[in-house]
Protein backbone atom coordinates (compact mmCIF):
# COMPACT_ATOMS: atom_id res chain seq x y z
CA MET A 1 76.38 90.47 34.36
CA THR A 2 75.24 87.57 36.51
CA ASP A 3 73.54 87.22 39.89
CA GLY A 4 76.53 85.63 41.56
CA PRO A 5 79.28 83.03 41.24
CA TYR A 6 76.95 80.59 39.48
CA LEU A 7 77.11 79.22 35.97
CA GLU A 8 74.56 80.36 33.46
CA ILE A 9 72.20 77.47 32.64
CA LYS A 10 73.43 77.34 29.02
CA GLU A 11 76.96 76.60 30.28
CA VAL A 12 76.07 73.59 32.43
CA VAL A 13 77.01 70.13 31.12
CA GLY A 14 73.96 67.88 30.83
CA GLY A 15 75.73 64.74 31.99
CA PHE A 16 78.09 62.05 30.83
CA ILE A 17 78.13 58.40 29.84
CA HIS A 18 81.07 56.06 30.44
CA ILE A 19 81.61 53.73 27.46
CA VAL A 20 84.09 50.85 27.59
CA ALA A 21 85.59 50.27 24.12
CA ASP A 22 88.73 48.75 22.61
CA ASP A 23 89.78 52.03 20.95
CA ILE A 24 88.64 55.59 20.33
CA ASP A 25 87.16 54.73 16.92
CA GLU A 26 84.83 52.17 18.46
CA ALA A 27 83.82 54.65 21.17
CA VAL A 28 83.01 57.30 18.54
CA ALA A 29 80.91 54.79 16.58
CA VAL A 30 78.97 53.80 19.71
CA ALA A 31 78.45 57.42 20.78
CA GLY A 32 77.36 58.48 17.30
CA GLY A 33 74.64 55.84 17.19
CA TRP A 34 73.37 56.46 20.71
CA PRO A 35 69.56 56.56 20.95
CA GLY A 36 68.29 60.07 21.57
CA ILE A 37 71.09 61.84 19.71
CA ARG A 38 69.44 64.16 17.19
CA VAL A 39 70.88 65.91 14.16
CA GLY A 40 72.64 69.02 15.40
CA ASP A 41 73.38 67.64 18.88
CA LYS A 42 77.00 67.74 19.92
CA ILE A 43 78.86 64.91 21.63
CA GLU A 44 82.41 64.77 22.92
CA VAL A 45 84.41 61.55 23.21
CA ARG A 46 87.43 61.59 25.50
CA PRO A 47 89.87 58.80 26.25
CA VAL A 48 90.32 57.80 29.89
CA MET A 49 93.42 55.96 31.05
CA GLU A 50 93.27 53.41 33.83
CA ARG A 51 96.10 53.13 36.32
């Protein structure tokens, strides 16, 4: 049960970072070595296509 049509705080995305890389492998390597990422943290890397 919730208080209304609002997301629970645990379901809110903390933010995003846009990385420009030649391929997905390079983006994963950059994201994996990002300062502030701790053991157990989860990251998601998604490709974005330009038109």
